[in-house]
């Protein structure tokens, strides 16, 4: 899968690397600021009790 993504991206290897890093940063940003807060409202981790 990653090899296919690498072949699809345009430019020399350093441009591909830059594109992959920007895409990874965008995915992490989306996870930390949209997905994880939404999931924490559903999962309620602060209401866990351990005896």
N, C-alpha and C. Protein backbone atom coordinates (compact mmCIF):
# COMPACT_ATOMS: atom_id res chain seq x y z
N UNK A 1 0.82 -1.19 0.00
CA UNK A 1 0.00 0.00 0.00
C UNK A 1 0.88 1.26 0.00
N UNK A 2 1.90 1.27 0.84
CA UNK A 2 2.75 2.45 0.92
C UNK A 2 3.58 2.63 -0.34
N UNK A 3 3.99 1.51 -0.94
CA UNK A 3 4.75 1.59 -2.18
C UNK A 3 3.89 2.15 -3.30
N UNK A 4 2.62 1.77 -3.34
CA UNK A 4 1.72 2.31 -4.35
C UNK A 4 1.51 3.81 -4.14
N UNK A 5 1.37 4.23 -2.90
CA UNK A 5 1.23 5.66 -2.60
C UNK A 5 2.50 6.41 -3.02
N UNK A 6 3.66 5.83 -2.75
CA UNK A 6 4.93 6.47 -3.09
C UNK A 6 5.06 6.63 -4.60
N UNK A 7 4.60 5.63 -5.37
CA UNK A 7 4.70 5.71 -6.83
C UNK A 7 3.73 6.72 -7.42
N UNK A 8 2.59 6.95 -6.77
CA UNK A 8 1.57 7.86 -7.28
C UNK A 8 1.97 9.32 -7.07
N UNK A 9 2.71 9.60 -6.01
CA UNK A 9 3.08 10.98 -5.71
C UNK A 9 4.04 11.53 -6.76
N UNK A 10 3.87 12.81 -7.10
CA UNK A 10 4.73 13.41 -8.13
C UNK A 10 6.05 13.92 -7.56
N UNK A 11 7.03 14.09 -8.44
CA UNK A 11 8.28 14.76 -8.09
C UNK A 11 9.37 13.81 -7.64
N UNK A 12 10.52 14.41 -7.32
CA UNK A 12 11.65 13.61 -6.82
C UNK A 12 11.37 13.12 -5.40
N UNK A 13 12.28 12.34 -4.84
CA UNK A 13 12.02 11.70 -3.55
C UNK A 13 11.83 12.70 -2.42
N UNK A 14 12.53 13.84 -2.47
CA UNK A 14 12.41 14.81 -1.38
C UNK A 14 11.07 15.53 -1.42
N UNK A 15 10.50 15.71 -2.61
CA UNK A 15 9.16 16.31 -2.71
C UNK A 15 8.12 15.32 -2.22
N UNK A 16 8.31 14.05 -2.58
CA UNK A 16 7.39 13.00 -2.10
C UNK A 16 7.44 12.91 -0.58
N UNK A 17 8.63 12.97 -0.03
CA UNK A 17 8.77 12.92 1.42
C UNK A 17 8.07 14.10 2.09
N UNK A 18 8.22 15.27 1.53
CA UNK A 18 7.55 16.46 2.06
C UNK A 18 6.03 16.31 1.99
N UNK A 19 5.52 15.79 0.89
CA UNK A 19 4.08 15.58 0.75
C UNK A 19 3.58 14.58 1.77
N UNK A 20 4.32 13.48 1.96
CA UNK A 20 3.92 12.46 2.93
C UNK A 20 3.93 13.04 4.34
N UNK A 21 4.93 13.84 4.67
CA UNK A 21 4.98 14.45 6.01
C UNK A 21 3.83 15.41 6.24
N UNK A 22 3.48 16.19 5.23
CA UNK A 22 2.35 17.12 5.36
C UNK A 22 1.05 16.35 5.50
N UNK A 23 0.88 15.28 4.73
CA UNK A 23 -0.33 14.46 4.85
C UNK A 23 -0.43 13.80 6.22
N UNK A 24 0.69 13.30 6.73
CA UNK A 24 0.69 12.68 8.06
C UNK A 24 0.36 13.71 9.14
N UNK A 25 0.90 14.91 9.01
CA UNK A 25 0.60 15.97 9.98
C UNK A 25 -0.88 16.35 9.92
N UNK A 26 -1.46 16.38 8.71
CA UNK A 26 -2.88 16.71 8.57
C UNK A 26 -3.75 15.63 9.20
N UNK A 27 -3.37 14.38 9.02
CA UNK A 27 -4.14 13.28 9.63
C UNK A 27 -4.05 13.35 11.15
N UNK A 28 -2.86 13.58 11.69
CA UNK A 28 -2.71 13.69 13.13
C UNK A 28 -3.47 14.88 13.70
N UNK A 29 -3.45 16.00 12.98
CA UNK A 29 -4.21 17.18 13.41
C UNK A 29 -5.70 16.85 13.48
N UNK A 30 -6.19 16.20 12.45
CA UNK A 30 -7.61 15.83 12.44
C UNK A 30 -7.96 14.87 13.56
N UNK A 31 -7.08 13.93 13.84
CA UNK A 31 -7.34 12.99 14.93
C UNK A 31 -7.36 13.69 16.28
N UNK A 32 -6.33 14.51 16.55
CA UNK A 32 -6.23 15.13 17.87
C UNK A 32 -7.28 16.19 18.13
N UNK A 33 -7.72 16.93 17.11
CA UNK A 33 -8.62 18.03 17.35
C UNK A 33 -10.08 17.75 17.00
N UNK A 34 -10.36 16.64 16.30
CA UNK A 34 -11.74 16.33 15.94
C UNK A 34 -12.18 14.94 16.38
N UNK A 35 -11.41 13.93 16.09
CA UNK A 35 -11.83 12.56 16.36
C UNK A 35 -11.69 12.21 17.83
N UNK A 36 -10.53 12.46 18.44
CA UNK A 36 -10.33 12.08 19.83
C UNK A 36 -11.26 12.84 20.79
N UNK A 37 -11.48 14.15 20.65
CA UNK A 37 -12.46 14.80 21.54
C UNK A 37 -13.88 14.24 21.35
N UNK A 38 -14.25 13.94 20.12
CA UNK A 38 -15.57 13.35 19.87
C UNK A 38 -15.68 11.99 20.54
N UNK A 39 -14.64 11.17 20.44
CA UNK A 39 -14.65 9.84 21.04
C UNK A 39 -14.63 9.91 22.55
N UNK A 40 -13.95 10.90 23.12
CA UNK A 40 -13.89 10.98 24.58
C UNK A 40 -15.26 11.34 25.17
N UNK A 41 -16.08 12.07 24.44
CA UNK A 41 -17.44 12.35 24.91
C UNK A 41 -18.29 11.09 24.92
N UNK A 42 -18.02 10.18 24.02
CA UNK A 42 -18.80 8.95 23.94
C UNK A 42 -18.30 7.91 24.94
N UNK A 43 -17.02 7.80 25.15
CA UNK A 43 -16.44 6.72 25.96
C UNK A 43 -16.44 6.99 27.46
N UNK A 44 -16.46 8.24 27.88
CA UNK A 44 -16.45 8.65 29.28
C UNK A 44 -15.33 7.96 30.07
N UNK A 45 -14.07 8.20 29.75
CA UNK A 45 -12.99 7.53 30.50
C UNK A 45 -12.87 8.00 31.94
N UNK A 46 -13.40 9.15 32.29
CA UNK A 46 -13.29 9.66 33.65
C UNK A 46 -14.26 8.98 34.63
N UNK A 47 -15.19 8.15 34.12
CA UNK A 47 -16.13 7.48 34.99
C UNK A 47 -15.75 6.03 35.26
N UNK A 48 -14.51 5.67 35.04
CA UNK A 48 -14.05 4.30 35.26
C UNK A 48 -13.70 4.14 36.73
N UNK A 49 -14.18 3.06 37.35
CA UNK A 49 -13.85 2.80 38.73
C UNK A 49 -13.05 1.51 38.82
N UNK A 50 -12.03 1.52 39.63
CA UNK A 50 -11.20 0.35 39.84
C UNK A 50 -11.24 0.03 41.33
N UNK A 51 -11.56 -1.20 41.64
CA UNK A 51 -11.67 -1.58 43.05
C UNK A 51 -10.45 -2.33 43.51
